[in-house]
Amino acid sequence: QVQLVESGGGSVQAGGSLRLSCVASGFTFSAAALGWFRQAPGKEREFVAAISYSGGMVRRADSVKGRFTISRDNAKNTVSLQMNALEPEDTAVYYCARKADREFIKPEESDRYDYWGQGTQVTVSS
């Protein structure tokens, strides 16, 4: 079955960095677009970044542009999120997800994703 397993979360001070990884199994990884979303306590889940099946196209939320980078390694079935210059506002549970359709259309919309990981906690202190 499809599985997405995130890792790499933790606690860091403002200005620090973390790298999240998501290892996928149960489907043809190289044929799927993938995304990262996050949800802070009391807030709705929000889009962070997405990457096309080939890695040739990416999209990032305005709030993370210039600080976060999404990448993928199709040989290792892994999608990563490098997070630099972290801010307390980045504190959330981060989820990776598989986009239901192959096309890289509106990757910021969460209802276009059909499988989700269990999430990994990121806490940024000031």
PDB file of N, CA and C in Angstrom:
ATOM      1  N   GLN A   1       0.841  -1.178   0.000  1.00  0.00           N
ATOM      2  CA  GLN A   1       0.000   0.000   0.000  1.00  0.00           C
ATOM      3  C   GLN A   1       0.889   1.246   0.000  1.00  0.00           C
ATOM      4  N   VAL A   2       0.281   2.367  -0.326  1.00  0.00           N
ATOM      5  CA  VAL A   2       1.010   3.627  -0.382  1.00  0.00           C
ATOM      6  C   VAL A   2       1.391   4.057   1.026  1.00  0.00           C
ATOM      7  N   GLN A   3       2.650   4.412   1.189  1.00  0.00           N
ATOM      8  CA  GLN A   3       3.121   4.930   2.466  1.00  0.00           C
ATOM      9  C   GLN A   3       4.038   6.112   2.233  1.00  0.00           C
ATOM     10  N   LEU A   4       3.891   7.107   3.087  1.00  0.00           N
ATOM     11  CA  LEU A   4       4.748   8.283   3.092  1.00  0.00           C
ATOM     12  C   LEU A   4       5.194   8.476   4.529  1.00  0.00           C
ATOM     13  N   VAL A   5       6.499   8.485   4.749  1.00  0.00           N
ATOM     14  CA  VAL A   5       7.027   8.576   6.105  1.00  0.00           C
ATOM     15  C   VAL A   5       7.987   9.754   6.199  1.00  0.00           C
ATOM     16  N   GLU A   6       7.586  10.751   6.991  1.00  0.00           N
ATOM     17  CA  GLU A   6       8.409  11.946   7.174  1.00  0.00           C
ATOM     18  C   GLU A   6       9.382  11.760   8.326  1.00  0.00           C
ATOM     19  N   SER A   7      10.474  12.476   8.242  1.00  0.00           N
ATOM     20  CA  SER A   7      11.453  12.520   9.325  1.00  0.00           C
ATOM     21  C   SER A   7      12.211  13.830   9.245  1.00  0.00           C
ATOM     22  N   GLY A   8      12.962  14.115  10.291  1.00  0.00           N
ATOM     23  CA  GLY A   8      13.822  15.296  10.283  1.00  0.00           C
ATOM     24  C   GLY A   8      13.316  16.473  11.085  1.00  0.00           C
ATOM     25  N   GLY A   9      12.119  16.356  11.632  1.00  0.00           N
ATOM     26  CA  GLY A   9      11.613  17.450  12.446  1.00  0.00           C
ATOM     27  C   GLY A   9      12.383  17.564  13.756  1.00  0.00           C
ATOM     28  N   GLY A  10      12.114  18.639  14.475  1.00  0.00           N
ATOM     29  CA  GLY A  10      12.777  18.852  15.748  1.00  0.00           C
ATOM     30  C   GLY A  10      12.583  20.264  16.228  1.00  0.00           C
ATOM     31  N   SER A  11      13.375  20.627  17.233  1.00  0.00           N
ATOM     32  CA  SER A  11      13.318  21.959  17.810  1.00  0.00           C
ATOM     33  C   SER A  11      14.575  22.722  17.445  1.00  0.00           C
ATOM     34  N   VAL A  12      14.403  23.977  17.071  1.00  0.00           N
ATOM     35  CA  VAL A  12      15.526  24.791  16.659  1.00  0.00           C
ATOM     36  C   VAL A  12      15.240  26.236  17.021  1.00  0.00           C
ATOM     37  N   GLN A  13      16.274  27.015  17.189  1.00  0.00           N
ATOM     38  CA  GLN A  13      16.091  28.436  17.468  1.00  0.00           C
ATOM     39  C   GLN A  13      15.876  29.203  16.168  1.00  0.00           C
ATOM     40  N   ALA A  14      15.246  30.343  16.295  1.00  0.00           N
ATOM     41  CA  ALA A  14      15.008  31.196  15.141  1.00  0.00           C
ATOM     42  C   ALA A  14      16.323  31.474  14.420  1.00  0.00           C
ATOM     43  N   GLY A  15      16.258  31.407  13.098  1.00  0.00           N
ATOM     44  CA  GLY A  15      17.448  31.593  12.282  1.00  0.00           C
ATOM     45  C   GLY A  15      18.150  30.291  11.926  1.00  0.00           C
ATOM     46  N   GLY A  16      17.751  29.208  12.577  1.00  0.00           N
ATOM     47  CA  GLY A  16      18.367  27.917  12.328  1.00  0.00           C
ATOM     48  C   GLY A  16      17.804  27.213  11.115  1.00  0.00           C
ATOM     49  N   SER A  17      18.263  25.982  10.917  1.00  0.00           N
ATOM     50  CA  SER A  17      17.876  25.208   9.741  1.00  0.00           C
ATOM     51  C   SER A  17      17.476  23.788  10.134  1.00  0.00           C
ATOM     52  N   LEU A  18      16.605  23.220   9.327  1.00  0.00           N
ATOM     53  CA  LEU A  18      16.241  21.811   9.431  1.00  0.00           C
ATOM     54  C   LEU A  18      16.027  21.279   8.025  1.00  0.00           C
ATOM     55  N   ARG A  19      16.225  19.984   7.880  1.00  0.00           N
ATOM     56  CA  ARG A  19      15.947  19.332   6.609  1.00  0.00           C
ATOM     57  C   ARG A  19      14.975  18.193   6.857  1.00  0.00           C
ATOM     58  N   LEU A  20      13.814  18.289   6.257  1.00  0.00           N
ATOM     59  CA  LEU A  20      12.806  17.244   6.350  1.00  0.00           C
ATOM     60  C   LEU A  20      12.941  16.304   5.164  1.00  0.00           C
ATOM     61  N   SER A  21      12.696  15.033   5.426  1.00  0.00           N
ATOM     62  CA  SER A  21      12.695  14.033   4.370  1.00  0.00           C
ATOM     63  C   SER A  21      11.408  13.239   4.426  1.00  0.00           C
ATOM     64  N   CYS A  22      11.002  12.756   3.275  1.00  0.00           N
ATOM     65  CA  CYS A  22       9.805  11.926   3.183  1.00  0.00           C
ATOM     66  C   CYS A  22      10.140  10.765   2.248  1.00  0.00           C
ATOM     67  N   VAL A  23      10.105   9.571   2.798  1.00  0.00           N
ATOM     68  CA  VAL A  23      10.380   8.372   2.007  1.00  0.00           C
ATOM     69  C   VAL A  23       9.054   7.735   1.621  1.00  0.00           C
ATOM     70  N   ALA A  24       8.908   7.455   0.340  1.00  0.00           N
ATOM     71  CA  ALA A  24       7.650   6.930  -0.186  1.00  0.00           C
ATOM     72  C   ALA A  24       7.796   5.482  -0.630  1.00  0.00           C
ATOM     73  N   SER A  25       6.695   4.771  -0.586  1.00  0.00           N
ATOM     74  CA  SER A  25       6.658   3.395  -1.072  1.00  0.00           C
ATOM     75  C   SER A  25       5.243   3.043  -1.491  1.00  0.00           C
ATOM     76  N   GLY A  26       5.131   1.977  -2.290  1.00  0.00           N
ATOM     77  CA  GLY A  26       3.813   1.494  -2.676  1.00  0.00           C
ATOM     78  C   GLY A  26       3.254   2.077  -3.958  1.00  0.00           C
ATOM     79  N   PHE A  27       4.016   2.908  -4.631  1.00  0.00           N
ATOM     80  CA  PHE A  27       3.580   3.463  -5.909  1.00  0.00           C
ATOM     81  C   PHE A  27       4.818   3.856  -6.716  1.00  0.00           C
ATOM     82  N   THR A  28       4.588   4.208  -7.976  1.00  0.00           N
ATOM     83  CA  THR A  28       5.684   4.614  -8.855  1.00  0.00           C
ATOM     84  C   THR A  28       6.067   6.047  -8.519  1.00  0.00           C
ATOM     85  N   PHE A  29       7.071   6.195  -7.700  1.00  0.00           N
ATOM     86  CA  PHE A  29       7.452   7.495  -7.158  1.00  0.00           C
ATOM     87  C   PHE A  29       7.776   8.494  -8.264  1.00  0.00           C
ATOM     88  N   SER A  30       8.490   8.066  -9.264  1.00  0.00           N
ATOM     89  CA  SER A  30       8.946   8.976 -10.322  1.00  0.00           C
ATOM     90  C   SER A  30       7.805   9.491 -11.194  1.00  0.00           C
ATOM     91  N   ALA A  31       6.602   8.960 -11.017  1.00  0.00           N
ATOM     92  CA  ALA A  31       5.447   9.395 -11.798  1.00  0.00           C
ATOM     93  C   ALA A  31       4.523  10.324 -11.021  1.00  0.00           C
ATOM     94  N   ALA A  32       4.890  10.665  -9.819  1.00  0.00           N
ATOM     95  CA  ALA A  32       3.994  11.427  -8.944  1.00  0.00           C
ATOM     96  C   ALA A  32       4.575  12.777  -8.547  1.00  0.00           C
ATOM     97  N   ALA A  33       3.709  13.794  -8.598  1.00  0.00           N
ATOM     98  CA  ALA A  33       4.064  15.070  -7.988  1.00  0.00           C
ATOM     99  C   ALA A  33       3.859  14.939  -6.481  1.00  0.00           C
ATOM    100  N   LEU A  34       4.627  15.708  -5.729  1.00  0.00           N
ATOM    101  CA  LEU A  34       4.587  15.616  -4.273  1.00  0.00           C
ATOM    102  C   LEU A  34       4.565  17.006  -3.676  1.00  0.00           C
ATOM    103  N   GLY A  35       3.999  17.093  -2.492  1.00  0.00           N
ATOM    104  CA  GLY A  35       3.925  18.381  -1.841  1.00  0.00           C
ATOM    105  C   GLY A  35       4.199  18.284  -0.352  1.00  0.00           C
ATOM    106  N   TRP A  36       4.532  19.443   0.216  1.00  0.00           N
ATOM    107  CA  TRP A  36       4.658  19.600   1.662  1.00  0.00           C
ATOM    108  C   TRP A  36       3.605  20.603   2.126  1.00  0.00           C
ATOM    109  N   PHE A  37       2.939  20.250   3.195  1.00  0.00           N
ATOM    110  CA  PHE A  37       1.970  21.132   3.831  1.00  0.00           C
ATOM    111  C   PHE A  37       2.311  21.206   5.317  1.00  0.00           C
ATOM    112  N   ARG A  38       1.728  22.180   5.993  1.00  0.00           N
ATOM    113  CA  ARG A  38       1.951  22.270   7.428  1.00  0.00           C
ATOM    114  C   ARG A  38       0.678  22.734   8.126  1.00  0.00           C
ATOM    115  N   GLN A  39       0.599  22.382   9.397  1.00  0.00           N
ATOM    116  CA  GLN A  39      -0.550  22.801  10.192  1.00  0.00           C
ATOM    117  C   GLN A  39      -0.084  23.172  11.580  1.00  0.00           C
ATOM    118  N   ALA A  40      -0.331  24.413  11.943  1.00  0.00           N
ATOM    119  CA  ALA A  40      -0.008  24.906  13.268  1.00  0.00           C
ATOM    120  C   ALA A  40      -1.229  24.750  14.173  1.00  0.00           C
ATOM    121  N   PRO A  41      -1.021  24.682  15.489  1.00  0.00           N
ATOM    122  CA  PRO A  41      -2.149  24.522  16.405  1.00  0.00           C
ATOM    123  C   PRO A  41      -3.199  25.622  16.221  1.00  0.00           C
ATOM    124  N   GLY A  42      -4.438  25.205  16.072  1.00  0.00           N
ATOM    125  CA  GLY A  42      -5.523  26.167  15.930  1.00  0.00           C
ATOM    126  C   GLY A  42      -5.647  26.794  14.565  1.00  0.00           C
ATOM    127  N   LYS A  43      -4.830  26.349  13.627  1.00  0.00           N
ATOM    128  CA  LYS A  43      -4.872  26.927  12.287  1.00  0.00           C
ATOM    129  C   LYS A  43      -5.177  25.854  11.259  1.00  0.00           C
ATOM    130  N   GLU A  44      -5.602  26.294  10.089  1.00  0.00           N
ATOM    131  CA  GLU A  44      -5.865  25.361   9.011  1.00  0.00           C
ATOM    132  C   GLU A  44      -4.549  24.898   8.383  1.00  0.00           C
ATOM    133  N   ARG A  45      -4.611  23.739   7.767  1.00  0.00           N
ATOM    134  CA  ARG A  45      -3.452  23.246   7.044  1.00  0.00           C
ATOM    135  C   ARG A  45      -3.149  24.180   5.883  1.00  0.00           C
ATOM    136  N   GLU A  46      -1.860  24.438   5.642  1.00  0.00           N
ATOM    137  CA  GLU A  46      -1.493  25.346   4.563  1.00  0.00           C
ATOM    138  C   GLU A  46      -0.382  24.752   3.707  1.00  0.00           C
ATOM    139  N   PHE A  47      -0.410  25.160   2.468  1.00  0.00           N
ATOM    140  CA  PHE A  47       0.568  24.726   1.490  1.00  0.00           C
ATOM    141  C   PHE A  47       1.932  25.321   1.793  1.00  0.00           C
ATOM    142  N   VAL A  48       2.981  24.509   1.612  1.00  0.00           N
ATOM    143  CA  VAL A  48       4.349  24.990   1.791  1.00  0.00           C
ATOM    144  C   VAL A  48       5.102  24.966   0.457  1.00  0.00           C
ATOM    145  N   ALA A  49       5.167  23.786  -0.160  1.00  0.00           N
ATOM    146  CA  ALA A  49       5.920  23.652  -1.412  1.00  0.00           C
ATOM    147  C   ALA A  49       5.491  22.383  -2.125  1.00  0.00           C
ATOM    148  N   ALA A  50       5.721  22.346  -3.432  1.00  0.00           N
ATOM    149  CA  ALA A  50       5.414  21.157  -4.227  1.00  0.00           C
ATOM    150  C   ALA A  50       6.429  21.028  -5.344  1.00  0.00           C
ATOM    151  N   ILE A  51       6.562  19.797  -5.835  1.00  0.00           N
ATOM    152  CA  ILE A  51       7.531  19.530  -6.891  1.00  0.00           C
ATOM    153  C   ILE A  51       6.903  18.554  -7.880  1.00  0.00           C
ATOM    154  N   SER A  52       7.152  18.773  -9.159  1.00  0.00           N
ATOM    155  CA  SER A  52       6.582  17.912 -10.195  1.00  0.00           C
ATOM    156  C   SER A  52       7.265  16.548 -10.207  1.00  0.00           C
ATOM    157  N   TYR A  53       6.705  15.620 -10.967  1.00  0.00           N
ATOM    158  CA  TYR A  53       7.213  14.245 -10.950  1.00  0.00           C
ATOM    159  C   TYR A  53       8.677  14.164 -11.398  1.00  0.00           C
ATOM    160  N   SER A  54       9.066  15.052 -12.295  1.00  0.00           N
ATOM    161  CA  SER A  54      10.442  15.035 -12.795  1.00  0.00           C
ATOM    162  C   SER A  54      11.378  15.910 -11.966  1.00  0.00           C
ATOM    163  N   GLY A  55      10.774  16.752 -11.139  1.00  0.00           N
ATOM    164  CA  GLY A  55      11.582  17.725 -10.401  1.00  0.00           C
ATOM    165  C   GLY A  55      11.817  19.007 -11.176  1.00  0.00           C
ATOM    166  N   GLY A  56      11.288  19.069 -12.392  1.00  0.00           N
ATOM    167  CA  GLY A  56      11.544  20.222 -13.231  1.00  0.00           C
ATOM    168  C   GLY A  56      10.737  21.458 -12.869  1.00  0.00           C
ATOM    169  N   MET A  57       9.666  21.279 -12.150  1.00  0.00           N
ATOM    170  CA  MET A  57       8.835  22.412 -11.722  1.00  0.00           C
ATOM    171  C   MET A  57       8.639  22.355 -10.212  1.00  0.00           C
ATOM    172  N   VAL A  58       8.710  23.507  -9.597  1.00  0.00           N
ATOM    173  CA  VAL A  58       8.455  23.613  -8.165  1.00  0.00           C
ATOM    174  C   VAL A  58       7.542  24.813  -7.927  1.00  0.00           C
ATOM    175  N   ARG A  59       6.874  24.777  -6.807  1.00  0.00           N
ATOM    176  CA  ARG A  59       6.058  25.910  -6.384  1.00  0.00           C
ATOM    177  C   ARG A  59       6.221  26.021  -4.874  1.00  0.00           C
ATOM    178  N   ARG A  60       6.333  27.249  -4.403  1.00  0.00           N
ATOM    179  CA  ARG A  60       6.467  27.491  -2.971  1.00  0.00           C
ATOM    180  C   ARG A  60       5.505  28.582  -2.529  1.00  0.00           C
ATOM    181  N   ALA A  61       5.079  28.468  -1.311  1.00  0.00           N
ATOM    182  CA  ALA A  61       4.246  29.529  -0.737  1.00  0.00           C
ATOM    183  C   ALA A  61       5.081  30.793  -0.592  1.00  0.00           C
ATOM    184  N   ASP A  62       4.435  31.933  -0.713  1.00  0.00           N
ATOM    185  CA  ASP A  62       5.158  33.203  -0.600  1.00  0.00           C
ATOM    186  C   ASP A  62       5.882  33.315   0.743  1.00  0.00           C
ATOM    187  N   SER A  63       5.296  32.752   1.771  1.00  0.00           N
ATOM    188  CA  SER A  63       5.865  32.891   3.114  1.00  0.00           C
ATOM    189  C   SER A  63       7.194  32.154   3.285  1.00  0.00           C
ATOM    190  N   VAL A  64       7.514  31.249   2.373  1.00  0.00           N
ATOM    191  CA  VAL A  64       8.752  30.478   2.516  1.00  0.00           C
ATOM    192  C   VAL A  64       9.732  30.703   1.376  1.00  0.00           C
ATOM    193  N   LYS A  65       9.343  31.485   0.389  1.00  0.00           N
ATOM    194  CA  LYS A  65      10.255  31.750  -0.736  1.00  0.00           C
ATOM    195  C   LYS A  65      11.527  32.402  -0.231  1.00  0.00           C
ATOM    196  N   GLY A  66      12.636  31.916  -0.770  1.00  0.00           N
ATOM    197  CA  GLY A  66      13.928  32.443  -0.358  1.00  0.00           C
ATOM    198  C   GLY A  66      14.485  31.778   0.883  1.00  0.00           C
ATOM    199  N   ARG A  67      13.667  30.958   1.551  1.00  0.00           N
ATOM    200  CA  ARG A  67      14.124  30.278   2.766  1.00  0.00           C
ATOM    201  C   ARG A  67      14.035  28.756   2.658  1.00  0.00           C
ATOM    202  N   PHE A  68      12.983  28.245   2.001  1.00  0.00           N
ATOM    203  CA  PHE A  68      12.768  26.799   1.893  1.00  0.00           C
ATOM    204  C   PHE A  68      13.031  26.333   0.465  1.00  0.00           C
ATOM    205  N   THR A  69      13.596  25.130   0.349  1.00  0.00           N
ATOM    206  CA  THR A  69      13.844  24.529  -0.956  1.00  0.00           C
ATOM    207  C   THR A  69      13.324  23.107  -0.958  1.00  0.00           C
ATOM    208  N   ILE A  70      12.532  22.778  -1.963  1.00  0.00           N
ATOM    209  CA  ILE A  70      12.033  21.415  -2.111  1.00  0.00           C
ATOM    210  C   ILE A  70      12.842  20.719  -3.194  1.00  0.00           C
ATOM    211  N   SER A  71      13.137  19.445  -2.977  1.00  0.00           N
ATOM    212  CA  SER A  71      13.871  18.654  -3.956  1.00  0.00           C
ATOM    213  C   SER A  71      13.426  17.204  -3.861  1.00  0.00           C
ATOM    214  N   ARG A  72      13.818  16.426  -4.837  1.00  0.00           N
ATOM    215  CA  ARG A  72      13.462  15.003  -4.825  1.00  0.00           C
ATOM    216  C   ARG A  72      14.593  14.186  -5.415  1.00  0.00           C
ATOM    217  N   ASP A  73      14.653  12.940  -4.971  1.00  0.00           N
ATOM    218  CA  ASP A  73      15.614  11.973  -5.494  1.00  0.00           C
ATOM    219  C   ASP A  73      14.804  10.750  -5.906  1.00  0.00           C
ATOM    220  N   ASN A  74      14.537  10.634  -7.185  1.00  0.00           N
ATOM    221  CA  ASN A  74      13.685   9.543  -7.648  1.00  0.00           C
ATOM    222  C   ASN A  74      14.350   8.181  -7.496  1.00  0.00           C
ATOM    223  N   ALA A  75      15.658   8.157  -7.414  1.00  0.00           N
ATOM    224  CA  ALA A  75      16.354   6.878  -7.210  1.00  0.00           C
ATOM    225  C   ALA A  75      16.175   6.362  -5.785  1.00  0.00           C
ATOM    226  N   LYS A  76      15.897   7.285  -4.864  1.00  0.00           N
ATOM    227  CA  LYS A  76      15.751   6.912  -3.456  1.00  0.00           C
ATOM    228  C   LYS A  76      14.322   7.073  -2.959  1.00  0.00           C
ATOM    229  N   ASN A  77      13.401   7.380  -3.873  1.00  0.00           N
ATOM    230  CA  ASN A  77      11.987   7.563  -3.483  1.00  0.00           C
ATOM    231  C   ASN A  77      11.835   8.556  -2.339  1.00  0.00           C
ATOM    232  N   THR A  78      12.563   9.641  -2.432  1.00  0.00           N
ATOM    233  CA  THR A  78      12.597  10.602  -1.340  1.00  0.00           C
ATOM    234  C   THR A  78      12.338  12.019  -1.843  1.00  0.00           C
ATOM    235  N   VAL A  79      11.524  12.743  -1.105  1.00  0.00           N
ATOM    236  CA  VAL A  79      11.334  14.172  -1.334  1.00  0.00           C
ATOM    237  C   VAL A  79      11.783  14.887  -0.061  1.00  0.00           C
ATOM    238  N   SER A  80      12.498  15.987  -0.226  1.00  0.00           N
ATOM    239  CA  SER A  80      13.082  16.692   0.910  1.00  0.00           C
ATOM    240  C   SER A  80      12.640  18.149   0.929  1.00  0.00           C
ATOM    241  N   LEU A  81      12.689  18.716   2.106  1.00  0.00           N
ATOM    242  CA  LEU A  81      12.394  20.136   2.291  1.00  0.00           C
ATOM    243  C   LEU A  81      13.503  20.726   3.148  1.00  0.00           C
ATOM    244  N   GLN A  82      14.359  21.501   2.524  1.00  0.00           N
ATOM    245  CA  GLN A  82      15.425  22.205   3.250  1.00  0.00           C
ATOM    246  C   GLN A  82      14.869  23.524   3.745  1.00  0.00           C
ATOM    247  N   MET A  83      14.912  23.722   5.047  1.00  0.00           N
ATOM    248  CA  MET A  83      14.331  24.911   5.647  1.00  0.00           C
ATOM    249  C   MET A  83      15.434  25.716   6.327  1.00  0.00           C
ATOM    250  N   ASN A  84      15.667  26.912   5.835  1.00  0.00           N
ATOM    251  CA  ASN A  84      16.681  27.805   6.390  1.00  0.00           C
ATOM    252  C   ASN A  84      16.016  29.058   6.960  1.00  0.00           C
ATOM    253  N   ALA A  85      16.767  29.775   7.761  1.00  0.00           N
ATOM    254  CA  ALA A  85      16.270  31.026   8.342  1.00  0.00           C
ATOM    255  C   ALA A  85      14.893  30.823   8.975  1.00  0.00           C
ATOM    256  N   LEU A  86      14.772  29.787   9.758  1.00  0.00           N
ATOM    257  CA  LEU A  86      13.478  29.453  10.348  1.00  0.00           C
ATOM    258  C   LEU A  86      13.001  30.537  11.303  1.00  0.00           C
ATOM    259  N   GLU A  87      11.698  30.698  11.328  1.00  0.00           N
ATOM    260  CA  GLU A  87      11.048  31.706  12.165  1.00  0.00           C
ATOM    261  C   GLU A  87      10.049  31.023  13.091  1.00  0.00           C
ATOM    262  N   PRO A  88       9.728  31.632  14.225  1.00  0.00           N
ATOM    263  CA  PRO A  88       8.729  31.015  15.109  1.00  0.00           C
ATOM    264  C   PRO A  88       7.408  30.720  14.400  1.00  0.00           C
ATOM    265  N   GLU A  89       7.080  31.520  13.405  1.00  0.00           N
ATOM    266  CA  GLU A  89       5.841  31.311  12.648  1.00  0.00           C
ATOM    267  C   GLU A  89       5.879  30.030  11.802  1.00  0.00           C
ATOM    268  N   ASP A  90       7.038  29.428  11.656  1.00  0.00           N
ATOM    269  CA  ASP A  90       7.156  28.171  10.912  1.00  0.00           C
ATOM    270  C   ASP A  90       6.813  26.959  11.779  1.00  0.00           C
ATOM    271  N   THR A  91       6.599  27.183  13.060  1.00  0.00           N
ATOM    272  CA  THR A  91       6.256  26.091  13.962  1.00  0.00           C
ATOM    273  C   THR A  91       4.960  25.435  13.536  1.00  0.00           C
ATOM    274  N   ALA A  92       5.012  24.118  13.313  1.00  0.00           N
ATOM    275  CA  ALA A  92       3.838  23.384  12.818  1.00  0.00           C
ATOM    276  C   ALA A  92       4.200  21.910  12.687  1.00  0.00           C
ATOM    277  N   VAL A  93       3.186  21.114  12.431  1.00  0.00           N
ATOM    278  CA  VAL A  93       3.408  19.741  11.988  1.00  0.00           C
ATOM    279  C   VAL A  93       3.482  19.783  10.469  1.00  0.00           C
ATOM    280  N   TYR A  94       4.527  19.199   9.921  1.00  0.00           N
ATOM    281  CA  TYR A  94       4.750  19.207   8.480  1.00  0.00           C
ATOM    282  C   TYR A  94       4.410  17.837   7.895  1.00  0.00           C
ATOM    283  N   TYR A  95       3.652  17.873   6.810  1.00  0.00           N
ATOM    284  CA  TYR A  95       3.190  16.655   6.157  1.00  0.00           C
ATOM    285  C   TYR A  95       3.655  16.621   4.707  1.00  0.00           C
ATOM    286  N   CYS A  96       4.067  15.450   4.253  1.00  0.00           N
ATOM    287  CA  CYS A  96       4.261  15.303   2.814  1.00  0.00           C
ATOM    288  C   CYS A  96       3.058  14.554   2.257  1.00  0.00           C
ATOM    289  N   ALA A  97       2.793  14.769   1.001  1.00  0.00           N
ATOM    290  CA  ALA A  97       1.606  14.194   0.386  1.00  0.00           C
ATOM    291  C   ALA A  97       1.849  13.914  -1.085  1.00  0.00           C
ATOM    292  N   ARG A  98       1.113  12.936  -1.593  1.00  0.00           N
ATOM    293  CA  ARG A  98       1.200  12.590  -3.003  1.00  0.00           C
ATOM    294  C   ARG A  98       0.039  13.222  -3.757  1.00  0.00           C
ATOM    295  N   LYS A  99       0.390  13.898  -4.841  1.00  0.00           N
ATOM    296  CA  LYS A  99      -0.658  14.505  -5.656  1.00  0.00           C
ATOM    297  C   LYS A  99      -1.386  13.405  -6.431  1.00  0.00           C
ATOM    298  N   ALA A 100      -2.716  13.497  -6.443  1.00  0.00           N
ATOM    299  CA  ALA A 100      -3.530  12.429  -7.041  1.00  0.00           C
ATOM    300  C   ALA A 100      -3.345  12.337  -8.546  1.00  0.00           C
ATOM    301  N   ASP A 101      -3.130  13.475  -9.201  1.00  0.00           N
ATOM    302  CA  ASP A 101      -2.968  13.460 -10.651  1.00  0.00           C
ATOM    303  C   ASP A 101      -1.538  13.820 -11.015  1.00  0.00           C
ATOM    304  N   ARG A 102      -1.089  13.339 -12.145  1.00  0.00           N
ATOM    305  CA  ARG A 102       0.286  13.521 -12.583  1.00  0.00           C
ATOM    306  C   ARG A 102       0.573  14.975 -12.955  1.00  0.00           C
ATOM    307  N   GLU A 103      -0.462  15.701 -13.403  1.00  0.00           N
ATOM    308  CA  GLU A 103      -0.246  17.060 -13.884  1.00  0.00           C
ATOM    309  C   GLU A 103       0.075  18.005 -12.725  1.00  0.00           C
ATOM    310  N   PHE A 104       0.927  18.959 -12.981  1.00  0.00           N
ATOM    311  CA  PHE A 104       1.345  19.923 -11.956  1.00  0.00           C
ATOM    312  C   PHE A 104       0.422  21.137 -12.028  1.00  0.00           C
ATOM    313  N   ILE A 105      -0.851  20.885 -11.746  1.00  0.00           N
ATOM    314  CA  ILE A 105      -1.867  21.927 -11.801  1.00  0.00           C
ATOM    315  C   ILE A 105      -2.369  22.212 -10.390  1.00  0.00           C
ATOM    316  N   LYS A 106      -2.340  23.461 -10.014  1.00  0.00           N
ATOM    317  CA  LYS A 106      -2.789  23.905  -8.685  1.00  0.00           C
ATOM    318  C   LYS A 106      -2.239  23.007  -7.577  1.00  0.00           C
ATOM    319  N   PRO A 107      -0.932  22.846  -7.500  1.00  0.00           N
ATOM    320  CA  PRO A 107      -0.364  21.987  -6.458  1.00  0.00           C
ATOM    321  C   PRO A 107      -0.524  22.548  -5.052  1.00  0.00           C
ATOM    322  N   GLU A 108      -0.959  23.802  -4.960  1.00  0.00           N
ATOM    323  CA  GLU A 108      -1.157  24.402  -3.643  1.00  0.00           C
ATOM    324  C   GLU A 108      -2.484  23.989  -3.014  1.00  0.00           C
ATOM    325  N   GLU A 109      -3.335  23.304  -3.748  1.00  0.00           N
ATOM    326  CA  GLU A 109      -4.644  22.905  -3.231  1.00  0.00           C
ATOM    327  C   GLU A 109      -4.564  21.509  -2.606  1.00  0.00           C
ATOM    328  N   SER A 110      -4.833  21.429  -1.313  1.00  0.00           N
ATOM    329  CA  SER A 110      -4.656  20.172  -0.582  1.00  0.00           C
ATOM    330  C   SER A 110      -5.615  19.077  -1.038  1.00  0.00           C
ATOM    331  N   ASP A 111      -6.776  19.444  -1.567  1.00  0.00           N
ATOM    332  CA  ASP A 111      -7.717  18.403  -1.984  1.00  0.00           C
ATOM    333  C   ASP A 111      -7.308  17.716  -3.276  1.00  0.00           C
ATOM    334  N   ARG A 112      -6.206  18.133  -3.863  1.00  0.00           N
ATOM    335  CA  ARG A 112      -5.663  17.460  -5.052  1.00  0.00           C
ATOM    336  C   ARG A 112      -4.668  16.362  -4.663  1.00  0.00           C
ATOM    337  N   TYR A 113      -4.512  16.114  -3.372  1.00  0.00           N
ATOM    338  CA  TYR A 113      -3.592  15.093  -2.876  1.00  0.00           C
ATOM    339  C   TYR A 113      -4.384  13.935  -2.271  1.00  0.00           C
ATOM    340  N   ASP A 114      -3.919  12.715  -2.524  1.00  0.00           N
ATOM    341  CA  ASP A 114      -4.713  11.570  -2.071  1.00  0.00           C
ATOM    342  C   ASP A 114      -4.075  10.758  -0.945  1.00  0.00           C
ATOM    343  N   TYR A 115      -2.785  10.859  -0.752  1.00  0.00           N
ATOM    344  CA  TYR A 115      -2.130  10.148   0.343  1.00  0.00           C
ATOM    345  C   TYR A 115      -1.244  11.113   1.117  1.00  0.00           C
ATOM    346  N   TRP A 116      -1.262  10.936   2.434  1.00  0.00           N
ATOM    347  CA  TRP A 116      -0.546  11.828   3.335  1.00  0.00           C
ATOM    348  C   TRP A 116       0.288  11.018   4.324  1.00  0.00           C
ATOM    349  N   GLY A 117       1.423  11.595   4.717  1.00  0.00           N
ATOM    350  CA  GLY A 117       2.213  11.000   5.770  1.00  0.00           C
ATOM    351  C   GLY A 117       1.627  11.330   7.131  1.00  0.00           C
ATOM    352  N   GLN A 118       2.295  10.847   8.162  1.00  0.00           N
ATOM    353  CA  GLN A 118       1.792  11.039   9.524  1.00  0.00           C
ATOM    354  C   GLN A 118       2.222  12.380  10.116  1.00  0.00           C
ATOM    355  N   GLY A 119       3.172  13.025   9.483  1.00  0.00           N
ATOM    356  CA  GLY A 119       3.618  14.340   9.921  1.00  0.00           C
ATOM    357  C   GLY A 119       4.837  14.284  10.817  1.00  0.00           C
ATOM    358  N   THR A 120       5.571  15.386  10.828  1.00  0.00           N
ATOM    359  CA  THR A 120       6.724  15.532  11.709  1.00  0.00           C
ATOM    360  C   THR A 120       6.683  16.944  12.294  1.00  0.00           C
ATOM    361  N   GLN A 121       6.932  17.043  13.584  1.00  0.00           N
ATOM    362  CA  GLN A 121       6.801  18.317  14.301  1.00  0.00           C
ATOM    363  C   GLN A 121       8.056  19.172  14.107  1.00  0.00           C
ATOM    364  N   VAL A 122       7.836  20.428  13.781  1.00  0.00           N
ATOM    365  CA  VAL A 122       8.908  21.423  13.722  1.00  0.00           C
ATOM    366  C   VAL A 122       8.552  22.533  14.707  1.00  0.00           C
ATOM    367  N   THR A 123       9.463  22.815  15.622  1.00  0.00           N
ATOM    368  CA  THR A 123       9.247  23.853  16.620  1.00  0.00           C
ATOM    369  C   THR A 123      10.407  24.836  16.548  1.00  0.00           C
ATOM    370  N   VAL A 124      10.079  26.101  16.339  1.00  0.00           N
ATOM    371  CA  VAL A 124      11.085  27.150  16.244  1.00  0.00           C
ATOM    372  C   VAL A 124      10.874  28.123  17.395  1.00  0.00           C
ATOM    373  N   SER A 125      11.889  28.286  18.214  1.00  0.00           N
ATOM    374  CA  SER A 125      11.785  29.177  19.362  1.00  0.00           C
ATOM    375  C   SER A 125      12.500  30.491  19.073  1.00  0.00           C
ATOM    376  N   SER A 126      11.993  31.544  19.690  1.00  0.00           N
ATOM    377  CA  SER A 126      12.573  32.879  19.458  1.00  0.00           C
ATOM    378  C   SER A 126      13.703  33.172  20.427  1.00  0.00           C
TER     379      SER A 126
END
